[in-house]
Amino acid sequence: MTVTVQASNFDEVVMKSDKPVLLDFWAVWCGPCRMVAPTVDKLSQEYAGRAVIGKVNVDEQTELAEKFRVMSIPTLYILKNGQVVERLIGARPYAELAAALEKHI
């Protein structure tokens, strides 16, 4: 299951995680975000217990979007030990996202 990441739970969910974290920055009105959403949901099921899959609504969490310098969506970040290790911009297929995540597990 994906985790809704907000400024209020960011430290707990992302910074303190002992697992890699994939963050999907998205918005309700974004067509490509809706295309990648099922892929992100599938990753959350396939990687349950091995990675944290989080979603950040950029319209509701502008502070986090600014912190990560999100200029276009969807933008996906992979973090390990609180540090960004990979950034993927745009809708990507499952195989590409899984391979990127797998490198950091």
PDB file of N, CA and C in Angstrom:
ATOM      1  N   MET A   1       0.842  -1.179   0.000  1.00  0.00           N
ATOM      2  CA  MET A   1       0.000   0.000   0.000  1.00  0.00           C
ATOM      3  C   MET A   1       0.891   1.248   0.000  1.00  0.00           C
ATOM      4  N   THR A   2       0.487   2.232  -0.760  1.00  0.00           N
ATOM      5  CA  THR A   2       1.241   3.484  -0.791  1.00  0.00           C
ATOM      6  C   THR A   2       0.937   4.304   0.462  1.00  0.00           C
ATOM      7  N   VAL A   3       1.893   5.130   0.827  1.00  0.00           N
ATOM      8  CA  VAL A   3       1.765   6.008   1.982  1.00  0.00           C
ATOM      9  C   VAL A   3       1.601   7.433   1.467  1.00  0.00           C
ATOM     10  N   THR A   4       0.619   8.153   2.000  1.00  0.00           N
ATOM     11  CA  THR A   4       0.471   9.564   1.669  1.00  0.00           C
ATOM     12  C   THR A   4       1.497  10.335   2.484  1.00  0.00           C
ATOM     13  N   VAL A   5       2.436  10.963   1.796  1.00  0.00           N
ATOM     14  CA  VAL A   5       3.512  11.684   2.473  1.00  0.00           C
ATOM     15  C   VAL A   5       3.161  13.167   2.508  1.00  0.00           C
ATOM     16  N   GLN A   6       3.251  13.726   3.702  1.00  0.00           N
ATOM     17  CA  GLN A   6       2.971  15.140   3.931  1.00  0.00           C
ATOM     18  C   GLN A   6       4.120  15.717   4.743  1.00  0.00           C
ATOM     19  N   ALA A   7       4.164  17.026   4.846  1.00  0.00           N
ATOM     20  CA  ALA A   7       5.205  17.666   5.653  1.00  0.00           C
ATOM     21  C   ALA A   7       5.176  17.130   7.085  1.00  0.00           C
ATOM     22  N   SER A   8       3.977  16.842   7.588  1.00  0.00           N
ATOM     23  CA  SER A   8       3.825  16.405   8.978  1.00  0.00           C
ATOM     24  C   SER A   8       4.375  15.006   9.246  1.00  0.00           C
ATOM     25  N   ASN A   9       4.432  14.137   8.227  1.00  0.00           N
ATOM     26  CA  ASN A   9       4.943  12.779   8.457  1.00  0.00           C
ATOM     27  C   ASN A   9       6.209  12.485   7.651  1.00  0.00           C
ATOM     28  N   PHE A  10       6.765  13.491   6.997  1.00  0.00           N
ATOM     29  CA  PHE A  10       7.919  13.294   6.123  1.00  0.00           C
ATOM     30  C   PHE A  10       9.111  12.684   6.862  1.00  0.00           C
ATOM     31  N   ASP A  11       9.462  13.235   8.011  1.00  0.00           N
ATOM     32  CA  ASP A  11      10.615  12.707   8.750  1.00  0.00           C
ATOM     33  C   ASP A  11      10.407  11.248   9.131  1.00  0.00           C
ATOM     34  N   GLU A  12       9.232  10.938   9.635  1.00  0.00           N
ATOM     35  CA  GLU A  12       8.948   9.570  10.079  1.00  0.00           C
ATOM     36  C   GLU A  12       8.945   8.590   8.911  1.00  0.00           C
ATOM     37  N   VAL A  13       8.270   8.943   7.831  1.00  0.00           N
ATOM     38  CA  VAL A  13       8.111   8.023   6.699  1.00  0.00           C
ATOM     39  C   VAL A  13       9.371   7.938   5.845  1.00  0.00           C
ATOM     40  N   VAL A  14      10.004   9.069   5.593  1.00  0.00           N
ATOM     41  CA  VAL A  14      11.111   9.112   4.634  1.00  0.00           C
ATOM     42  C   VAL A  14      12.472   9.124   5.315  1.00  0.00           C
ATOM     43  N   MET A  15      12.703  10.102   6.162  1.00  0.00           N
ATOM     44  CA  MET A  15      14.043  10.297   6.721  1.00  0.00           C
ATOM     45  C   MET A  15      14.460   9.186   7.685  1.00  0.00           C
ATOM     46  N   LYS A  16      13.518   8.619   8.406  1.00  0.00           N
ATOM     47  CA  LYS A  16      13.849   7.580   9.383  1.00  0.00           C
ATOM     48  C   LYS A  16      13.700   6.170   8.828  1.00  0.00           C
ATOM     49  N   SER A  17      13.375   6.043   7.558  1.00  0.00           N
ATOM     50  CA  SER A  17      13.167   4.718   6.972  1.00  0.00           C
ATOM     51  C   SER A  17      14.491   3.979   6.815  1.00  0.00           C
ATOM     52  N   ASP A  18      14.493   2.704   7.189  1.00  0.00           N
ATOM     53  CA  ASP A  18      15.671   1.870   6.970  1.00  0.00           C
ATOM     54  C   ASP A  18      15.594   1.158   5.618  1.00  0.00           C
ATOM     55  N   LYS A  19      14.540   1.454   4.880  1.00  0.00           N
ATOM     56  CA  LYS A  19      14.343   0.884   3.543  1.00  0.00           C
ATOM     57  C   LYS A  19      14.409   2.013   2.515  1.00  0.00           C
ATOM     58  N   PRO A  20      14.687   1.681   1.257  1.00  0.00           N
ATOM     59  CA  PRO A  20      14.609   2.718   0.225  1.00  0.00           C
ATOM     60  C   PRO A  20      13.180   3.252   0.132  1.00  0.00           C
ATOM     61  N   VAL A  21      13.062   4.513  -0.235  1.00  0.00           N
ATOM     62  CA  VAL A  21      11.757   5.165  -0.352  1.00  0.00           C
ATOM     63  C   VAL A  21      11.608   5.704  -1.769  1.00  0.00           C
ATOM     64  N   LEU A  22      10.520   5.337  -2.428  1.00  0.00           N
ATOM     65  CA  LEU A  22      10.177   5.923  -3.720  1.00  0.00           C
ATOM     66  C   LEU A  22       9.067   6.934  -3.470  1.00  0.00           C
ATOM     67  N   LEU A  23       9.307   8.184  -3.841  1.00  0.00           N
ATOM     68  CA  LEU A  23       8.306   9.242  -3.691  1.00  0.00           C
ATOM     69  C   LEU A  23       7.780   9.637  -5.057  1.00  0.00           C
ATOM     70  N   ASP A  24       6.474   9.573  -5.211  1.00  0.00           N
ATOM     71  CA  ASP A  24       5.793   9.967  -6.445  1.00  0.00           C
ATOM     72  C   ASP A  24       5.138  11.324  -6.212  1.00  0.00           C
ATOM     73  N   PHE A  25       5.689  12.365  -6.846  1.00  0.00           N
ATOM     74  CA  PHE A  25       5.102  13.705  -6.776  1.00  0.00           C
ATOM     75  C   PHE A  25       4.079  13.817  -7.897  1.00  0.00           C
ATOM     76  N   TRP A  26       2.819  14.107  -7.550  1.00  0.00           N
ATOM     77  CA  TRP A  26       1.716  14.048  -8.497  1.00  0.00           C
ATOM     78  C   TRP A  26       0.677  15.117  -8.172  1.00  0.00           C
ATOM     79  N   ALA A  27      -0.334  15.218  -9.049  1.00  0.00           N
ATOM     80  CA  ALA A  27      -1.496  16.085  -8.810  1.00  0.00           C
ATOM     81  C   ALA A  27      -2.720  15.449  -9.457  1.00  0.00           C
ATOM     82  N   VAL A  28      -3.878  15.754  -8.912  1.00  0.00           N
ATOM     83  CA  VAL A  28      -5.142  15.196  -9.394  1.00  0.00           C
ATOM     84  C   VAL A  28      -5.385  15.538 -10.862  1.00  0.00           C
ATOM     85  N   TRP A  29      -5.048  16.752 -11.271  1.00  0.00           N
ATOM     86  CA  TRP A  29      -5.342  17.244 -12.619  1.00  0.00           C
ATOM     87  C   TRP A  29      -4.332  16.778 -13.670  1.00  0.00           C
ATOM     88  N   CYS A  30      -3.307  16.058 -13.270  1.00  0.00           N
ATOM     89  CA  CYS A  30      -2.194  15.677 -14.153  1.00  0.00           C
ATOM     90  C   CYS A  30      -2.468  14.343 -14.848  1.00  0.00           C
ATOM     91  N   GLY A  31      -2.665  14.387 -16.172  1.00  0.00           N
ATOM     92  CA  GLY A  31      -2.928  13.175 -16.948  1.00  0.00           C
ATOM     93  C   GLY A  31      -1.823  12.136 -16.844  1.00  0.00           C
ATOM     94  N   PRO A  32      -0.560  12.497 -17.085  1.00  0.00           N
ATOM     95  CA  PRO A  32       0.521  11.512 -16.958  1.00  0.00           C
ATOM     96  C   PRO A  32       0.628  10.927 -15.542  1.00  0.00           C
ATOM     97  N   CYS A  33       0.267  11.720 -14.534  1.00  0.00           N
ATOM     98  CA  CYS A  33       0.280  11.212 -13.154  1.00  0.00           C
ATOM     99  C   CYS A  33      -0.756  10.102 -12.991  1.00  0.00           C
ATOM    100  N   ARG A  34      -1.920  10.293 -13.606  1.00  0.00           N
ATOM    101  CA  ARG A  34      -2.957   9.264 -13.542  1.00  0.00           C
ATOM    102  C   ARG A  34      -2.509   8.010 -14.281  1.00  0.00           C
ATOM    103  N   MET A  35      -1.703   8.187 -15.338  1.00  0.00           N
ATOM    104  CA  MET A  35      -1.193   7.032 -16.082  1.00  0.00           C
ATOM    105  C   MET A  35      -0.195   6.231 -15.245  1.00  0.00           C
ATOM    106  N   VAL A  36       0.632   6.904 -14.470  1.00  0.00           N
ATOM    107  CA  VAL A  36       1.669   6.215 -13.696  1.00  0.00           C
ATOM    108  C   VAL A  36       1.140   5.692 -12.350  1.00  0.00           C
ATOM    109  N   ALA A  37      -0.003   6.163 -11.901  1.00  0.00           N
ATOM    110  CA  ALA A  37      -0.546   5.768 -10.593  1.00  0.00           C
ATOM    111  C   ALA A  37      -0.702   4.252 -10.435  1.00  0.00           C
ATOM    112  N   PRO A  38      -1.266   3.528 -11.414  1.00  0.00           N
ATOM    113  CA  PRO A  38      -1.374   2.074 -11.247  1.00  0.00           C
ATOM    114  C   PRO A  38      -0.007   1.387 -11.151  1.00  0.00           C
ATOM    115  N   THR A  39       0.979   1.939 -11.835  1.00  0.00           N
ATOM    116  CA  THR A  39       2.334   1.397 -11.773  1.00  0.00           C
ATOM    117  C   THR A  39       2.908   1.579 -10.372  1.00  0.00           C
ATOM    118  N   VAL A  40       2.714   2.750  -9.799  1.00  0.00           N
ATOM    119  CA  VAL A  40       3.198   3.026  -8.444  1.00  0.00           C
ATOM    120  C   VAL A  40       2.472   2.126  -7.444  1.00  0.00           C
ATOM    121  N   ASP A  41       1.170   1.935  -7.630  1.00  0.00           N
ATOM    122  CA  ASP A  41       0.412   1.047  -6.745  1.00  0.00           C
ATOM    123  C   ASP A  41       0.924  -0.387  -6.842  1.00  0.00           C
ATOM    124  N   LYS A  42       1.246  -0.832  -8.052  1.00  0.00           N
ATOM    125  CA  LYS A  42       1.782  -2.182  -8.243  1.00  0.00           C
ATOM    126  C   LYS A  42       3.137  -2.321  -7.550  1.00  0.00           C
ATOM    127  N   LEU A  43       3.981  -1.300  -7.667  1.00  0.00           N
ATOM    128  CA  LEU A  43       5.272  -1.323  -6.976  1.00  0.00           C
ATOM    129  C   LEU A  43       5.073  -1.459  -5.469  1.00  0.00           C
ATOM    130  N   SER A  44       4.077  -0.758  -4.930  1.00  0.00           N
ATOM    131  CA  SER A  44       3.848  -0.810  -3.482  1.00  0.00           C
ATOM    132  C   SER A  44       3.466  -2.217  -3.039  1.00  0.00           C
ATOM    133  N   GLN A  45       2.777  -2.955  -3.898  1.00  0.00           N
ATOM    134  CA  GLN A  45       2.418  -4.339  -3.575  1.00  0.00           C
ATOM    135  C   GLN A  45       3.616  -5.266  -3.745  1.00  0.00           C
ATOM    136  N   GLU A  46       4.318  -5.117  -4.855  1.00  0.00           N
ATOM    137  CA  GLU A  46       5.453  -6.000  -5.164  1.00  0.00           C
ATOM    138  C   GLU A  46       6.621  -5.805  -4.194  1.00  0.00           C
ATOM    139  N   TYR A  47       6.808  -4.598  -3.710  1.00  0.00           N
ATOM    140  CA  TYR A  47       7.952  -4.289  -2.853  1.00  0.00           C
ATOM    141  C   TYR A  47       7.568  -4.095  -1.388  1.00  0.00           C
ATOM    142  N   ALA A  48       6.382  -4.535  -1.014  1.00  0.00           N
ATOM    143  CA  ALA A  48       5.939  -4.428   0.381  1.00  0.00           C
ATOM    144  C   ALA A  48       6.961  -5.114   1.288  1.00  0.00           C
ATOM    145  N   GLY A  49       7.390  -4.402   2.324  1.00  0.00           N
ATOM    146  CA  GLY A  49       8.366  -4.946   3.254  1.00  0.00           C
ATOM    147  C   GLY A  49       9.811  -4.726   2.839  1.00  0.00           C
ATOM    148  N   ARG A  50      10.036  -4.364   1.570  1.00  0.00           N
ATOM    149  CA  ARG A  50      11.402  -4.139   1.084  1.00  0.00           C
ATOM    150  C   ARG A  50      11.658  -2.682   0.731  1.00  0.00           C
ATOM    151  N   ALA A  51      10.593  -1.921   0.509  1.00  0.00           N
ATOM    152  CA  ALA A  51      10.706  -0.504   0.163  1.00  0.00           C
ATOM    153  C   ALA A  51       9.439   0.207   0.622  1.00  0.00           C
ATOM    154  N   VAL A  52       9.557   1.506   0.802  1.00  0.00           N
ATOM    155  CA  VAL A  52       8.406   2.345   1.133  1.00  0.00           C
ATOM    156  C   VAL A  52       8.037   3.106  -0.132  1.00  0.00           C
ATOM    157  N   ILE A  53       6.767   3.052  -0.500  1.00  0.00           N
ATOM    158  CA  ILE A  53       6.289   3.760  -1.685  1.00  0.00           C
ATOM    159  C   ILE A  53       5.348   4.856  -1.202  1.00  0.00           C
ATOM    160  N   GLY A  54       5.738   6.101  -1.449  1.00  0.00           N
ATOM    161  CA  GLY A  54       4.958   7.233  -0.975  1.00  0.00           C
ATOM    162  C   GLY A  54       4.481   8.117  -2.108  1.00  0.00           C
ATOM    163  N   LYS A  55       3.366   8.803  -1.854  1.00  0.00           N
ATOM    164  CA  LYS A  55       2.802   9.735  -2.831  1.00  0.00           C
ATOM    165  C   LYS A  55       2.706  11.110  -2.189  1.00  0.00           C
ATOM    166  N   VAL A  56       3.129  12.116  -2.952  1.00  0.00           N
ATOM    167  CA  VAL A  56       3.091  13.497  -2.483  1.00  0.00           C
ATOM    168  C   VAL A  56       2.246  14.306  -3.460  1.00  0.00           C
ATOM    169  N   ASN A  57       1.103  14.794  -2.998  1.00  0.00           N
ATOM    170  CA  ASN A  57       0.247  15.646  -3.818  1.00  0.00           C
ATOM    171  C   ASN A  57       0.853  17.050  -3.810  1.00  0.00           C
ATOM    172  N   VAL A  58       1.366  17.485  -4.961  1.00  0.00           N
ATOM    173  CA  VAL A  58       2.087  18.764  -5.025  1.00  0.00           C
ATOM    174  C   VAL A  58       1.189  19.969  -4.753  1.00  0.00           C
ATOM    175  N   ASP A  59      -0.102  19.847  -5.009  1.00  0.00           N
ATOM    176  CA  ASP A  59      -1.016  20.958  -4.736  1.00  0.00           C
ATOM    177  C   ASP A  59      -1.266  21.125  -3.242  1.00  0.00           C
ATOM    178  N   GLU A  60      -1.224  20.025  -2.509  1.00  0.00           N
ATOM    179  CA  GLU A  60      -1.458  20.072  -1.066  1.00  0.00           C
ATOM    180  C   GLU A  60      -0.163  20.218  -0.275  1.00  0.00           C
ATOM    181  N   GLN A  61       0.936  19.792  -0.858  1.00  0.00           N
ATOM    182  CA  GLN A  61       2.229  19.778  -0.165  1.00  0.00           C
ATOM    183  C   GLN A  61       3.257  20.614  -0.927  1.00  0.00           C
ATOM    184  N   THR A  62       2.927  21.884  -1.112  1.00  0.00           N
ATOM    185  CA  THR A  62       3.809  22.764  -1.893  1.00  0.00           C
ATOM    186  C   THR A  62       5.195  22.884  -1.259  1.00  0.00           C
ATOM    187  N   GLU A  63       5.257  22.826   0.059  1.00  0.00           N
ATOM    188  CA  GLU A  63       6.540  22.922   0.762  1.00  0.00           C
ATOM    189  C   GLU A  63       7.469  21.768   0.357  1.00  0.00           C
ATOM    190  N   LEU A  64       6.929  20.555   0.303  1.00  0.00           N
ATOM    191  CA  LEU A  64       7.747  19.403  -0.102  1.00  0.00           C
ATOM    192  C   LEU A  64       8.116  19.481  -1.577  1.00  0.00           C
ATOM    193  N   ALA A  65       7.176  19.924  -2.406  1.00  0.00           N
ATOM    194  CA  ALA A  65       7.470  20.063  -3.836  1.00  0.00           C
ATOM    195  C   ALA A  65       8.603  21.063  -4.051  1.00  0.00           C
ATOM    196  N   GLU A  66       8.591  22.144  -3.293  1.00  0.00           N
ATOM    197  CA  GLU A  66       9.660  23.144  -3.397  1.00  0.00           C
ATOM    198  C   GLU A  66      10.978  22.595  -2.861  1.00  0.00           C
ATOM    199  N   LYS A  67      10.916  21.877  -1.758  1.00  0.00           N
ATOM    200  CA  LYS A  67      12.123  21.298  -1.160  1.00  0.00           C
ATOM    201  C   LYS A  67      12.836  20.378  -2.151  1.00  0.00           C
ATOM    202  N   PHE A  68      12.053  19.619  -2.914  1.00  0.00           N
ATOM    203  CA  PHE A  68      12.624  18.688  -3.884  1.00  0.00           C
ATOM    204  C   PHE A  68      12.771  19.304  -5.277  1.00  0.00           C
ATOM    205  N   ARG A  69      12.463  20.590  -5.379  1.00  0.00           N
ATOM    206  CA  ARG A  69      12.588  21.330  -6.639  1.00  0.00           C
ATOM    207  C   ARG A  69      11.848  20.636  -7.790  1.00  0.00           C
ATOM    208  N   VAL A  70      10.626  20.232  -7.501  1.00  0.00           N
ATOM    209  CA  VAL A  70       9.795  19.584  -8.515  1.00  0.00           C
ATOM    210  C   VAL A  70       9.293  20.654  -9.476  1.00  0.00           C
ATOM    211  N   MET A  71       9.669  20.536 -10.734  1.00  0.00           N
ATOM    212  CA  MET A  71       9.288  21.508 -11.758  1.00  0.00           C
ATOM    213  C   MET A  71       8.210  20.960 -12.690  1.00  0.00           C
ATOM    214  N   SER A  72       8.162  19.649 -12.835  1.00  0.00           N
ATOM    215  CA  SER A  72       7.135  19.020 -13.662  1.00  0.00           C
ATOM    216  C   SER A  72       6.727  17.716 -12.989  1.00  0.00           C
ATOM    217  N   ILE A  73       5.525  17.286 -13.298  1.00  0.00           N
ATOM    218  CA  ILE A  73       5.022  16.055 -12.699  1.00  0.00           C
ATOM    219  C   ILE A  73       4.489  15.128 -13.782  1.00  0.00           C
ATOM    220  N   PRO A  74       4.533  13.842 -13.537  1.00  0.00           N
ATOM    221  CA  PRO A  74       5.046  13.205 -12.333  1.00  0.00           C
ATOM    222  C   PRO A  74       6.574  13.248 -12.266  1.00  0.00           C
ATOM    223  N   THR A  75       7.074  13.424 -11.071  1.00  0.00           N
ATOM    224  CA  THR A  75       8.497  13.274 -10.778  1.00  0.00           C
ATOM    225  C   THR A  75       8.594  12.263  -9.648  1.00  0.00           C
ATOM    226  N   LEU A  76       9.471  11.295  -9.830  1.00  0.00           N
ATOM    227  CA  LEU A  76       9.654  10.256  -8.826  1.00  0.00           C
ATOM    228  C   LEU A  76      11.087  10.307  -8.316  1.00  0.00           C
ATOM    229  N   TYR A  77      11.227  10.262  -7.011  1.00  0.00           N
ATOM    230  CA  TYR A  77      12.538  10.244  -6.367  1.00  0.00           C
ATOM    231  C   TYR A  77      12.696   8.933  -5.625  1.00  0.00           C
ATOM    232  N   ILE A  78      13.908   8.409  -5.641  1.00  0.00           N
ATOM    233  CA  ILE A  78      14.249   7.284  -4.784  1.00  0.00           C
ATOM    234  C   ILE A  78      15.254   7.814  -3.771  1.00  0.00           C
ATOM    235  N   LEU A  79      14.955   7.594  -2.505  1.00  0.00           N
ATOM    236  CA  LEU A  79      15.830   8.035  -1.422  1.00  0.00           C
ATOM    237  C   LEU A  79      16.299   6.825  -0.627  1.00  0.00           C
ATOM    238  N   LYS A  80      17.525   6.887  -0.173  1.00  0.00           N
ATOM    239  CA  LYS A  80      18.069   5.850   0.697  1.00  0.00           C
ATOM    240  C   LYS A  80      18.815   6.556   1.816  1.00  0.00           C
ATOM    241  N   ASN A  81      18.524   6.163   3.045  1.00  0.00           N
ATOM    242  CA  ASN A  81      19.114   6.812   4.221  1.00  0.00           C
ATOM    243  C   ASN A  81      18.889   8.328   4.191  1.00  0.00           C
ATOM    244  N   GLY A  82      17.717   8.730   3.717  1.00  0.00           N
ATOM    245  CA  GLY A  82      17.351  10.142   3.696  1.00  0.00           C
ATOM    246  C   GLY A  82      17.968  10.955   2.578  1.00  0.00           C
ATOM    247  N   GLN A  83      18.736  10.319   1.702  1.00  0.00           N
ATOM    248  CA  GLN A  83      19.407  11.020   0.609  1.00  0.00           C
ATOM    249  C   GLN A  83      18.819  10.608  -0.741  1.00  0.00           C
ATOM    250  N   VAL A  84      18.649  11.574  -1.631  1.00  0.00           N
ATOM    251  CA  VAL A  84      18.166  11.266  -2.981  1.00  0.00           C
ATOM    252  C   VAL A  84      19.255  10.491  -3.716  1.00  0.00           C
ATOM    253  N   VAL A  85      18.887   9.324  -4.240  1.00  0.00           N
ATOM    254  CA  VAL A  85      19.834   8.517  -5.008  1.00  0.00           C
ATOM    255  C   VAL A  85      19.431   8.411  -6.478  1.00  0.00           C
ATOM    256  N   GLU A  86      18.188   8.773  -6.769  1.00  0.00           N
ATOM    257  CA  GLU A  86      17.736   8.718  -8.158  1.00  0.00           C
ATOM    258  C   GLU A  86      16.522   9.613  -8.338  1.00  0.00           C
ATOM    259  N   ARG A  87      16.424  10.210  -9.550  1.00  0.00           N
ATOM    260  CA  ARG A  87      15.262  11.041  -9.895  1.00  0.00           C
ATOM    261  C   ARG A  87      14.799  10.633 -11.282  1.00  0.00           C
ATOM    262  N   LEU A  88      13.503  10.417 -11.412  1.00  0.00           N
ATOM    263  CA  LEU A  88      12.900  10.040 -12.687  1.00  0.00           C
ATOM    264  C   LEU A  88      11.773  11.019 -12.979  1.00  0.00           C
ATOM    265  N   ILE A  89      11.821  11.646 -14.134  1.00  0.00           N
ATOM    266  CA  ILE A  89      10.806  12.634 -14.491  1.00  0.00           C
ATOM    267  C   ILE A  89       9.931  12.071 -15.597  1.00  0.00           C
ATOM    268  N   GLY A  90       8.624  12.211 -15.423  1.00  0.00           N
ATOM    269  CA  GLY A  90       7.674  11.739 -16.426  1.00  0.00           C
ATOM    270  C   GLY A  90       7.170  10.340 -16.119  1.00  0.00           C
ATOM    271  N   ALA A  91       6.095   9.969 -16.804  1.00  0.00           N
ATOM    272  CA  ALA A  91       5.511   8.642 -16.630  1.00  0.00           C
ATOM    273  C   ALA A  91       6.490   7.604 -17.162  1.00  0.00           C
ATOM    274  N   ARG A  92       6.778   6.612 -16.352  1.00  0.00           N
ATOM    275  CA  ARG A  92       7.721   5.560 -16.723  1.00  0.00           C
ATOM    276  C   ARG A  92       7.040   4.206 -16.598  1.00  0.00           C
ATOM    277  N   PRO A  93       7.457   3.240 -17.418  1.00  0.00           N
ATOM    278  CA  PRO A  93       6.861   1.903 -17.326  1.00  0.00           C
ATOM    279  C   PRO A  93       7.306   1.183 -16.053  1.00  0.00           C
ATOM    280  N   TYR A  94       6.524   0.196 -15.670  1.00  0.00           N
ATOM    281  CA  TYR A  94       6.798  -0.574 -14.456  1.00  0.00           C
ATOM    282  C   TYR A  94       8.223  -1.116 -14.439  1.00  0.00           C
ATOM    283  N   ALA A  95       8.660  -1.728 -15.526  1.00  0.00           N
ATOM    284  CA  ALA A  95       9.986  -2.364 -15.563  1.00  0.00           C
ATOM    285  C   ALA A  95      11.094  -1.357 -15.253  1.00  0.00           C
ATOM    286  N   GLU A  96      10.974  -0.154 -15.772  1.00  0.00           N
ATOM    287  CA  GLU A  96      11.994   0.870 -15.533  1.00  0.00           C
ATOM    288  C   GLU A  96      11.999   1.325 -14.073  1.00  0.00           C
ATOM    289  N   LEU A  97      10.818   1.530 -13.510  1.00  0.00           N
ATOM    290  CA  LEU A  97      10.741   1.949 -12.111  1.00  0.00           C
ATOM    291  C   LEU A  97      11.208   0.834 -11.182  1.00  0.00           C
ATOM    292  N   ALA A  98      10.816  -0.402 -11.479  1.00  0.00           N
ATOM    293  CA  ALA A  98      11.233  -1.537 -10.653  1.00  0.00           C
ATOM    294  C   ALA A  98      12.748  -1.708 -10.697  1.00  0.00           C
ATOM    295  N   ALA A  99      13.339  -1.568 -11.875  1.00  0.00           N
ATOM    296  CA  ALA A  99      14.797  -1.702 -12.008  1.00  0.00           C
ATOM    297  C   ALA A  99      15.513  -0.604 -11.230  1.00  0.00           C
ATOM    298  N   ALA A 100      14.999   0.612 -11.288  1.00  0.00           N
ATOM    299  CA  ALA A 100      15.601   1.727 -10.551  1.00  0.00           C
ATOM    300  C   ALA A 100      15.522   1.473  -9.047  1.00  0.00           C
ATOM    301  N   LEU A 101      14.378   0.998  -8.589  1.00  0.00           N
ATOM    302  CA  LEU A 101      14.201   0.722  -7.163  1.00  0.00           C
ATOM    303  C   LEU A 101      15.069  -0.453  -6.728  1.00  0.00           C
ATOM    304  N   GLU A 102      15.127  -1.468  -7.545  1.00  0.00           N
ATOM    305  CA  GLU A 102      15.884  -2.691  -7.234  1.00  0.00           C
ATOM    306  C   GLU A 102      17.365  -2.388  -6.981  1.00  0.00           C
ATOM    307  N   LYS A 103      17.905  -1.409  -7.674  1.00  0.00           N
ATOM    308  CA  LYS A 103      19.322  -1.046  -7.506  1.00  0.00           C
ATOM    309  C   LYS A 103      19.646  -0.588  -6.091  1.00  0.00           C
ATOM    310  N   HIS A 104      18.627  -0.159  -5.366  1.00  0.00           N
ATOM    311  CA  HIS A 104      18.864   0.446  -4.058  1.00  0.00           C
ATOM    312  C   HIS A 104      18.337  -0.401  -2.897  1.00  0.00           C
ATOM    313  N   ILE A 105      17.954  -1.622  -3.204  1.00  0.00           N
ATOM    314  CA  ILE A 105      17.457  -2.527  -2.145  1.00  0.00           C
ATOM    315  C   ILE A 105      18.593  -3.401  -1.650  1.00  0.00           C
TER     316      ILE A 105
END
